[in-house]
Amino acid sequence: MTAVGFLYPGHSAEDDYPRIEMLLDDDDVRLSVVHTDIGEDAHRVDALLEMGSPARLAAGVEELRLSGAEAVVWACTSGSFVFGWDGAHDQVRALARAAGLPASSTSFAFAHAVRDLGATRVAVAATYPDDVAAYFSDFLKAAGIEVVSARASGIVTAAEVGTWSRDEVLALARAGDHPDAEAVLLPDTALHTAAYVADLEAALGKPVLTANQVTVWEGLRLAGRRVRGRRLGTLFARRD
């Protein structure tokens, strides 16, 4: 049994994690979610810096250790990339020290997943306001990834994002796509996407990376597992 722990901010789309667990081809994987206190629910830089502060993340670590987790991922994109490339590294190093486990975040999960696909040019379809979306583009550029287009939707709260339906997610991905992009990225763990990844890839005709999908993939990578999931898109299409 491989156990991976996720620190998830608040309550929006955490049900993606048990869904992904069910969609994995292997039944010996356990995904454990511990909720962190988000403070103010706002896609605003100051609120996001507080949401991703070391004290808020450390508060959930003991519960994850008790779950038997072999690795931990901070399941938040905006609450990691807003610290910048170097600051996001400091964040996961502090989390690893607090947990005594390999650690990462959703922002690094996107960077690693893009590289795993062999892609260099991506389009970003974000739920965030423009200024927050720009931080994500800057983070990807620091990872050596070219952002050929970035679309922001201006949504301020995770609570609102969590209500979006399949049709709204598909519309976001289509609107954010670009002919030169080798993959399309949807960077918000508050967005329900686990059930739609295959539909998104079919609609766009290219790999689609979504926040909760890449977060699980990153946790499994840290735990030394490569697990297939035929309904979870190109990223989970092979095992090597």
Protein backbone atom coordinates (compact mmCIF):
# COMPACT_ATOMS: atom_id res chain seq x y z
CA MET A 1 0.00 0.00 0.00
CA THR A 2 1.28 3.45 -0.96
CA ALA A 3 -0.09 6.30 1.15
CA VAL A 4 0.20 9.95 0.12
CA GLY A 5 -0.95 12.92 2.20
CA PHE A 6 -2.32 16.22 0.96
CA LEU A 7 -2.73 19.47 2.83
CA TYR A 8 -5.79 21.03 1.23
CA PRO A 9 -6.88 24.62 1.94
CA GLY A 10 -10.45 24.86 3.17
CA HIS A 11 -13.32 23.05 1.45
CA SER A 12 -14.01 23.39 -2.27
CA ALA A 13 -13.04 20.45 -4.50
CA GLU A 14 -11.44 18.05 -2.03
CA ASP A 15 -13.78 15.32 -3.28
CA ASP A 16 -11.57 15.15 -6.38
CA TYR A 17 -9.07 13.15 -4.29
CA PRO A 18 -11.24 10.13 -3.46
CA ARG A 19 -12.50 10.27 -7.04
CA ILE A 20 -8.94 10.15 -8.39
CA GLU A 21 -8.16 7.29 -6.00
CA MET A 22 -11.05 5.34 -7.53
CA LEU A 23 -9.93 6.18 -11.08
CA LEU A 24 -6.39 4.86 -10.58
CA ASP A 25 -5.80 1.43 -12.10
CA ASP A 26 -4.04 0.19 -8.95
CA ASP A 27 -6.09 -0.38 -5.80
CA ASP A 28 -3.13 -0.24 -3.39
CA VAL A 29 -2.96 3.57 -3.23
CA ARG A 30 -4.45 5.62 -0.40
CA LEU A 31 -4.84 9.39 -0.74
CA SER A 32 -5.36 11.15 2.59
CA VAL A 33 -6.59 14.76 2.73
CA VAL A 34 -6.10 17.05 5.72
CA HIS A 35 -7.72 20.48 5.58
CA THR A 36 -5.81 23.62 6.49
CA ASP A 37 -7.30 26.83 7.80
CA ILE A 38 -7.31 29.27 4.90
CA GLY A 39 -8.06 32.43 6.84
CA GLU A 40 -9.68 34.73 4.29
CA ASP A 41 -11.04 33.04 1.16
CA ALA A 42 -9.64 35.39 -1.45
CA HIS A 43 -7.49 35.07 -4.55
CA ARG A 44 -5.58 38.14 -3.42
CA VAL A 45 -1.83 38.23 -2.94
CA ASP A 46 -1.78 39.15 0.75
CA ALA A 47 -4.44 36.56 1.61
CA LEU A 48 -2.62 33.87 -0.39
CA LEU A 49 0.68 34.58 1.34
CA GLU A 50 -1.02 34.10 4.69
CA MET A 51 -2.82 30.96 3.49
CA GLY A 52 0.50 29.37 2.56
CA SER A 53 2.39 30.48 5.66
CA PRO A 54 4.53 27.89 7.48
CA ALA A 55 2.35 27.97 10.61
CA ARG A 56 -0.84 27.15 8.69
CA LEU A 57 0.80 24.25 6.86
CA ALA A 58 2.57 22.88 9.92
CA ALA A 59 -0.74 22.67 11.78
CA GLY A 60 -1.90 19.77 9.60
CA VAL A 61 1.33 17.81 9.53
CA GLU A 62 0.79 15.63 12.60
CA GLU A 63 -2.53 14.31 11.28
CA LEU A 64 -0.85 13.39 8.00
CA ARG A 65 1.94 11.56 9.80
CA LEU A 66 -0.65 9.56 11.72
CA SER A 67 -2.29 8.60 8.43
CA GLY A 68 0.90 6.78 7.41
CA ALA A 69 1.69 9.14 4.54
CA GLU A 70 4.98 8.51 2.77
CA ALA A 71 5.01 11.94 1.11
CA VAL A 72 3.07 15.18 1.50
CA VAL A 73 1.93 17.76 -1.05
CA TRP A 74 0.61 21.24 -0.32
CA ALA A 75 -2.47 20.98 -2.51
CA CYS A 76 -2.69 24.63 -3.43
CA THR A 77 -1.39 26.36 -6.53
CA SER A 78 -1.96 30.03 -5.78
CA GLY A 79 -0.81 29.60 -2.17
CA SER A 80 2.54 28.37 -3.45
CA PHE A 81 3.41 30.19 -6.69
CA VAL A 82 2.55 33.55 -5.12
CA PHE A 83 5.78 33.18 -3.10
CA GLY A 84 7.80 33.14 -6.31
CA TRP A 85 10.18 30.43 -7.49
CA ASP A 86 12.64 30.74 -4.61
CA GLY A 87 9.98 31.36 -1.97
CA ALA A 88 8.00 28.32 -3.12
CA HIS A 89 11.14 26.20 -2.69
CA ASP A 90 11.54 27.58 0.83
CA GLN A 91 7.90 26.72 1.52
CA VAL A 92 8.21 23.05 0.58
CA ARG A 93 11.56 22.71 2.36
CA ALA A 94 9.92 23.97 5.55
CA LEU A 95 7.02 21.57 5.01
CA ALA A 96 9.40 18.66 4.51
CA ARG A 97 11.22 19.51 7.74
CA ALA A 98 7.97 19.82 9.68
CA ALA A 99 6.59 16.55 8.32
CA GLY A 100 9.82 14.56 8.18
CA LEU A 101 8.68 13.46 4.72
CA PRO A 102 9.38 14.30 1.07
CA ALA A 103 7.25 17.34 0.24
CA SER A 104 6.13 19.40 -2.72
CA SER A 105 3.30 21.69 -3.81
CA THR A 106 0.86 21.92 -6.68
CA SER A 107 2.91 24.64 -8.36
CA PHE A 108 5.95 22.36 -8.58
CA ALA A 109 3.64 19.53 -9.62
CA PHE A 110 2.67 21.53 -12.70
CA ALA A 111 6.31 22.25 -13.57
CA HIS A 112 7.29 18.59 -13.15
CA ALA A 113 4.25 17.32 -15.06
CA VAL A 114 4.90 19.62 -18.03
CA ARG A 115 8.46 18.32 -18.21
CA ASP A 116 7.25 14.72 -17.91
CA LEU A 117 5.03 15.27 -20.96
CA GLY A 118 8.01 16.63 -22.88
CA ALA A 119 6.18 19.93 -23.43
CA THR A 120 7.87 23.33 -23.52
CA ARG A 121 4.99 25.64 -24.54
CA VAL A 122 1.76 25.84 -22.55
CA ALA A 123 -1.44 27.83 -22.32
CA VAL A 124 -2.88 28.78 -18.93
CA ALA A 125 -6.63 28.84 -18.33
CA ALA A 126 -6.99 30.27 -14.83
CA THR A 127 -9.94 31.01 -12.60
CA TYR A 128 -7.93 33.75 -10.86
CA PRO A 129 -7.88 37.53 -11.23
CA ASP A 130 -5.33 38.87 -13.72
CA ASP A 131 -2.64 39.79 -11.19
CA VAL A 132 -2.69 36.38 -9.50
CA ALA A 133 -2.68 34.54 -12.84
CA ALA A 134 0.42 36.56 -13.79
CA TYR A 135 2.26 35.13 -10.77
CA PHE A 136 1.60 31.62 -12.09
CA SER A 137 2.92 32.52 -15.54
CA ASP A 138 6.04 33.96 -13.93
CA PHE A 139 6.50 30.77 -11.90
CA LEU A 140 6.27 28.61 -15.03
CA LYS A 141 8.73 30.85 -16.86
CA ALA A 142 11.16 30.45 -13.95
CA ALA A 143 10.82 26.69 -14.50
CA GLY A 144 11.89 27.12 -18.13
CA ILE A 145 8.38 26.73 -19.56
CA GLU A 146 7.12 29.11 -22.23
CA VAL A 147 3.62 30.47 -21.57
CA VAL A 148 2.17 31.24 -25.00
CA SER A 149 -1.12 32.55 -23.62
CA ALA A 150 -2.75 33.11 -20.24
CA ARG A 151 -6.43 33.69 -19.60
CA ALA A 152 -7.74 34.89 -16.24
CA SER A 153 -11.39 34.60 -15.22
CA GLY A 154 -11.40 37.09 -12.37
CA ILE A 155 -12.91 34.79 -9.74
CA VAL A 156 -11.99 35.97 -6.25
CA THR A 157 -13.07 33.11 -3.97
CA ALA A 158 -12.39 29.38 -3.94
CA ALA A 159 -15.96 28.87 -2.77
CA GLU A 160 -17.28 30.19 -6.09
CA VAL A 161 -14.79 28.18 -8.13
CA GLY A 162 -15.89 25.02 -6.34
CA THR A 163 -19.43 25.41 -7.72
CA TRP A 164 -18.36 25.34 -11.37
CA SER A 165 -19.91 22.58 -13.49
CA ARG A 166 -18.43 20.42 -16.23
CA ASP A 167 -19.66 22.83 -18.90
CA GLU A 168 -18.01 25.79 -17.20
CA VAL A 169 -14.73 23.90 -16.86
CA LEU A 170 -14.85 22.92 -20.54
CA ALA A 171 -15.57 26.52 -21.52
CA LEU A 172 -12.63 27.73 -19.44
CA ALA A 173 -10.25 25.25 -21.08
CA ARG A 174 -11.45 26.06 -24.60
CA ALA A 175 -11.17 29.79 -23.99
CA GLY A 176 -7.66 29.40 -22.59
CA ASP A 177 -6.28 27.16 -25.32
CA HIS A 178 -3.84 28.45 -27.94
CA PRO A 179 -2.75 26.85 -31.24
CA ASP A 180 0.91 26.97 -30.22
CA ALA A 181 0.36 25.37 -26.81
CA GLU A 182 1.45 21.76 -26.41
CA ALA A 183 -0.62 21.47 -23.22
CA VAL A 184 -3.28 23.48 -21.41
CA LEU A 185 -3.01 24.10 -17.66
CA LEU A 186 -5.94 24.72 -15.29
CA PRO A 187 -4.25 25.84 -12.05
CA ASP A 188 -6.79 25.86 -9.21
CA THR A 189 -7.28 23.05 -6.70
CA ALA A 190 -10.68 24.59 -5.85
CA LEU A 191 -11.87 23.60 -9.34
CA HIS A 192 -13.53 20.20 -9.78
CA THR A 193 -11.75 18.55 -12.71
CA ALA A 194 -11.04 14.90 -11.85
CA ALA A 195 -14.16 13.63 -13.61
CA TYR A 196 -13.55 15.75 -16.70
CA VAL A 197 -9.89 15.31 -17.67
CA ALA A 198 -10.62 12.83 -20.47
CA ASP A 199 -13.40 15.08 -21.80
CA LEU A 200 -11.10 18.11 -21.70
CA GLU A 201 -8.38 16.33 -23.66
CA ALA A 202 -10.90 15.04 -26.20
CA ALA A 203 -12.29 18.54 -26.68
CA LEU A 204 -8.90 20.22 -27.09
CA GLY A 205 -6.99 17.42 -28.79
CA LYS A 206 -3.95 17.83 -26.53
CA PRO A 207 -2.84 17.07 -22.98
CA VAL A 208 -4.63 18.96 -20.23
CA LEU A 209 -3.13 19.33 -16.77
CA THR A 210 -5.43 20.23 -13.90
CA ALA A 211 -4.49 21.14 -10.36
CA ASN A 212 -5.81 18.18 -8.38
CA GLN A 213 -4.73 15.74 -11.09
CA VAL A 214 -1.10 16.93 -11.07
CA THR A 215 -1.09 17.17 -7.27
CA VAL A 216 -1.88 13.47 -6.95
CA TRP A 217 0.64 12.59 -9.66
CA GLU A 218 3.30 14.61 -7.80
CA GLY A 219 2.56 12.88 -4.51
CA LEU A 220 2.86 9.47 -6.14
CA ARG A 221 6.09 10.55 -7.82
CA LEU A 222 7.53 11.54 -4.44
CA ALA A 223 6.49 8.15 -3.07
CA GLY A 224 8.26 6.39 -5.94
CA ARG A 225 5.09 5.20 -7.68
CA ARG A 226 4.00 5.51 -11.29
CA VAL A 227 0.33 4.57 -11.51
CA ARG A 228 -1.89 4.47 -14.57
CA GLY A 229 -5.37 5.95 -14.71
CA ARG A 230 -7.02 5.75 -18.10
CA ARG A 231 -9.64 8.42 -17.29
CA LEU A 232 -7.06 10.80 -15.83
CA GLY A 233 -5.51 12.00 -19.06
CA THR A 234 -2.18 11.75 -20.83
CA LEU A 235 -0.22 12.33 -17.62
CA PHE A 236 -1.54 9.06 -16.19
CA ALA A 237 -1.64 7.16 -19.48
CA ARG A 238 1.59 5.24 -19.02
CA ARG A 239 3.66 3.57 -16.33
CA ASP A 240 7.43 3.29 -16.60
